[in-house]
C-alpha atoms as a PDB file:
ATOM      1  CA  ALA A   1     -12.554  46.283  -9.677  1.00  0.00           C
ATOM      2  CA  GLU A   2      -8.849  45.477  -9.928  1.00  0.00           C
ATOM      3  CA  ASP A   3      -8.963  43.732  -6.549  1.00  0.00           C
ATOM      4  CA  LEU A   4     -11.875  41.599  -7.724  1.00  0.00           C
ATOM      5  CA  GLN A   5     -10.040  40.719 -10.936  1.00  0.00           C
ATOM      6  CA  ALA A   6      -6.871  39.776  -9.003  1.00  0.00           C
ATOM      7  CA  CYS A   7      -8.945  37.669  -6.610  1.00  0.00           C
ATOM      8  CA  GLY A   8     -10.590  35.877  -9.543  1.00  0.00           C
ATOM      9  CA  TYR A   9      -7.207  35.238 -11.143  1.00  0.00           C
ATOM     10  CA  GLN A  10      -5.760  33.841  -7.908  1.00  0.00           C
ATOM     11  CA  LEU A  11      -8.811  31.664  -7.303  1.00  0.00           C
ATOM     12  CA  GLY A  12      -8.702  30.329 -10.867  1.00  0.00           C
ATOM     13  CA  PHE A  13      -4.963  29.737 -10.721  1.00  0.00           C
ATOM     14  CA  GLY A  14      -5.265  27.973  -7.371  1.00  0.00           C
ATOM     15  CA  THR A  15      -8.109  25.806  -8.666  1.00  0.00           C
ATOM     16  CA  VAL A  16      -6.171  24.766 -11.769  1.00  0.00           C
ATOM     17  CA  CYS A  17      -3.061  23.973  -9.698  1.00  0.00           C
ATOM     18  CA  GLY A  18      -5.163  22.066  -7.168  1.00  0.00           C
ATOM     19  CA  TYR A  19      -6.953  20.042  -9.826  1.00  0.00           C
ATOM     20  CA  ALA A  20      -3.719  19.168 -11.604  1.00  0.00           C
ATOM     21  CA  SER A  21      -2.069  18.200  -8.304  1.00  0.00           C
ATOM     22  CA  GLY A  22      -5.038  16.090  -7.232  1.00  0.00           C
ATOM     23  CA  PHE A  23      -5.154  14.353 -10.603  1.00  0.00           C
ATOM     24  CA  ALA A  24      -1.407  13.673 -10.465  1.00  0.00           C
ATOM     25  CA  MET A  25      -1.690  12.316  -6.903  1.00  0.00           C
ATOM     26  CA  LYS A  26      -4.479   9.974  -7.985  1.00  0.00           C
ATOM     27  CA  LYS A  27      -2.300   8.606 -10.800  1.00  0.00           C
ATOM     28  CA  PHE A  28       0.741   8.450  -8.502  1.00  0.00           C
ATOM     29  CA  GLY A  29      -1.335   6.565  -5.911  1.00  0.00           C
ATOM     30  CA  ALA A  30      -2.345   4.000  -8.525  1.00  0.00           C
ATOM     31  CA  PHE A  31       1.308   3.607  -9.545  1.00  0.00           C
ATOM     32  CA  VAL A  32       2.395   3.152  -5.917  1.00  0.00           C
ATOM     33  CA  ALA A  33      -0.366   0.585  -5.327  1.00  0.00           C
ATOM     34  CA  PHE A  34       0.703  -1.330  -8.445  1.00  0.00           C
ATOM     35  CA  THR A  35       4.380  -1.211  -7.436  1.00  0.00           C
ATOM     36  CA  VAL A  36       3.772  -2.282  -3.833  1.00  0.00           C
ATOM     37  CA  GLY A  37       1.369  -5.025  -4.914  1.00  0.00           C
ATOM     38  CA  SER A  38       3.772  -6.345  -7.546  1.00  0.00           C
ATOM     39  CA  GLY A  39       6.656  -6.242  -5.075  1.00  0.00           C
ATOM     40  CA  PHE A  40       4.607  -8.157  -2.513  1.00  0.00           C
ATOM     41  CA  ILE A  41       3.668 -10.814  -5.064  1.00  0.00           C
ATOM     42  CA  ALA A  42       7.318 -11.194  -6.105  1.00  0.00           C
ATOM     43  CA  LEU A  43       8.648 -11.374  -2.536  1.00  0.00           C
ATOM     44  CA  GLN A  44       5.948 -13.758  -1.375  1.00  0.00           C
ATOM     45  CA  SER A  45       6.506 -16.027  -4.400  1.00  0.00           C
ATOM     46  CA  LEU A  46      10.272 -16.113  -3.820  1.00  0.00           C
ATOM     47  CA  GLN A  47       9.685 -16.826  -0.134  1.00  0.00           C
ATOM     48  CA  TYR A  48       7.242 -19.631  -0.977  1.00  0.00           C
ATOM     49  CA  MET A  49       9.811 -21.206  -3.316  1.00  0.00           C
ATOM     50  CA  GLY A  50      12.472 -21.036  -0.590  1.00  0.00           C
ATOM     51  CA  TYR A  51      14.755 -18.460  -2.197  1.00  0.00           C
ATOM     52  CA  LEU A  52      14.455 -15.937   0.605  1.00  0.00           C
ATOM     53  CA  ASN A  53      12.877 -15.331   3.980  1.00  0.00           C
ATOM     54  CA  VAL A  54      10.996 -12.073   4.595  1.00  0.00           C
ATOM     55  CA  ASN A  55      10.478 -10.900   8.168  1.00  0.00           C
ATOM     56  CA  TRP A  56       6.944  -9.543   7.641  1.00  0.00           C
ATOM     57  CA  ARG A  57       6.614  -8.573  11.307  1.00  0.00           C
ATOM     58  CA  LYS A  58       9.619  -6.251  10.944  1.00  0.00           C
ATOM     59  CA  VAL A  59       8.200  -4.856   7.704  1.00  0.00           C
ATOM     60  CA  GLU A  60       4.907  -4.154   9.489  1.00  0.00           C
ATOM     61  CA  ARG A  61       6.636  -2.510  12.468  1.00  0.00           C
ATOM     62  CA  ASP A  62       8.763  -0.297  10.229  1.00  0.00           C
ATOM     63  CA  TYR A  63       5.773   0.638   8.069  1.00  0.00           C
ATOM     64  CA  THR A  64       3.676   1.482  11.124  1.00  0.00           C
ATOM     65  CA  LYS A  65       6.476   3.605  12.602  1.00  0.00           C
ATOM     66  CA  MET A  66       6.793   5.557   9.349  1.00  0.00           C
ATOM     67  CA  MET A  67       3.063   6.045   8.619  1.00  0.00           C
ATOM     68  CA  ASP A  68       1.629   6.510  12.144  1.00  0.00           C
ATOM     69  CA  LEU A  69       1.462  10.297  12.361  1.00  0.00           C
ATOM     70  CA  ASP A  70      -0.742  10.464  15.470  1.00  0.00           C
ATOM     71  CA  GLY A  71       1.587   8.154  17.413  1.00  0.00           C
ATOM     72  CA  ASP A  72      -1.068   5.718  18.672  1.00  0.00           C
ATOM     73  CA  GLY A  73       0.809   2.651  17.361  1.00  0.00           C
ATOM     74  CA  VAL A  74      -1.710   1.696  14.654  1.00  0.00           C
ATOM     75  CA  ILE A  75      -2.550   3.015  11.210  1.00  0.00           C
ATOM     76  CA  THR A  76      -6.077   4.440  11.312  1.00  0.00           C
ATOM     77  CA  ALA A  77      -8.288   6.716   9.249  1.00  0.00           C
ATOM     78  CA  ASN A  78      -6.952   9.577  11.363  1.00  0.00           C
ATOM     79  CA  ASP A  79      -3.413   8.876  10.085  1.00  0.00           C
ATOM     80  CA  VAL A  80      -4.658   8.885   6.496  1.00  0.00           C
ATOM     81  CA  ASN A  81      -6.395  12.203   7.147  1.00  0.00           C
ATOM     82  CA  LEU A  82      -3.226  13.637   8.715  1.00  0.00           C
ATOM     83  CA  TRP A  83      -1.148  12.527   5.712  1.00  0.00           C
ATOM     84  CA  HIS A  84      -3.729  14.031   3.366  1.00  0.00           C
ATOM     85  CA  HIS A  85      -3.538  17.385   5.148  1.00  0.00           C
ATOM     86  CA  LYS A  86       0.261  17.246   5.314  1.00  0.00           C
ATOM     87  CA  VAL A  87       0.522  16.713   1.548  1.00  0.00           C
ATOM     88  CA  GLN A  88      -2.008  19.488   0.914  1.00  0.00           C
ATOM     89  CA  ASP A  89      -0.121  21.886   3.169  1.00  0.00           C
ATOM     90  CA  ILE A  90       3.099  21.187   1.290  1.00  0.00           C
ATOM     91  CA  LEU A  91       1.493  21.644  -2.134  1.00  0.00           C
ATOM     92  CA  LYS A  92      -0.334  24.862  -1.300  1.00  0.00           C
ATOM     93  CA  PHE A  93       2.549  26.429   0.643  1.00  0.00           C
ATOM     94  CA  ASP A  94       2.876  30.114  -0.279  1.00  0.00           C
ATOM     95  CA  LEU A  95       0.239  29.748  -3.016  1.00  0.00           C
ATOM     96  CA  PRO A  96      -1.840  32.928  -3.279  1.00  0.00           C
ATOM     97  CA  ALA A  97      -5.217  31.157  -3.405  1.00  0.00           C
ATOM     98  CA  GLY A  98      -5.355  28.250  -0.963  1.00  0.00           C
ATOM     99  CA  LEU A  99      -9.146  27.953  -1.112  1.00  0.00           C
ATOM    100  CA  GLY A 100      -9.068  27.584  -4.883  1.00  0.00           C
ATOM    101  CA  PHE A 101      -6.335  24.985  -4.551  1.00  0.00           C
ATOM    102  CA  THR A 102      -8.352  22.928  -2.072  1.00  0.00           C
ATOM    103  CA  SER A 103     -11.471  22.926  -4.221  1.00  0.00           C
ATOM    104  CA  GLY A 104      -9.429  21.984  -7.299  1.00  0.00           C
ATOM    105  CA  TRP A 105      -7.637  19.266  -5.317  1.00  0.00           C
ATOM    106  CA  ILE A 106     -10.966  17.711  -4.330  1.00  0.00           C
ATOM    107  CA  LEU A 107     -12.138  17.774  -7.947  1.00  0.00           C
ATOM    108  CA  GLY A 108      -8.853  16.255  -9.164  1.00  0.00           C
ATOM    109  CA  ILE A 109      -8.843  13.358  -6.742  1.00  0.00           C
END
């Protein structure tokens, strides 16, 4: 009975942590999208007005190098999936109830 109670506690704790993490990642993702979009609008506007010159090809190469986890030279759905799993692995590291975390994460996102 004690083992079942401990298992329930771990599963509940993992689910709550997973949900909270997923919810926070969703909000963080929206913030990042807003920041990147606003930065792009600002840079592109300044470039259009002649104040600066952005080497977008270099930006794309550097971005691809950083985000391309499978090493195929392009950002694909597989890279997104790899990043998703990498973040999940980091967040559930040494957590007693990984299954609960994963289900909570899915609910939170």
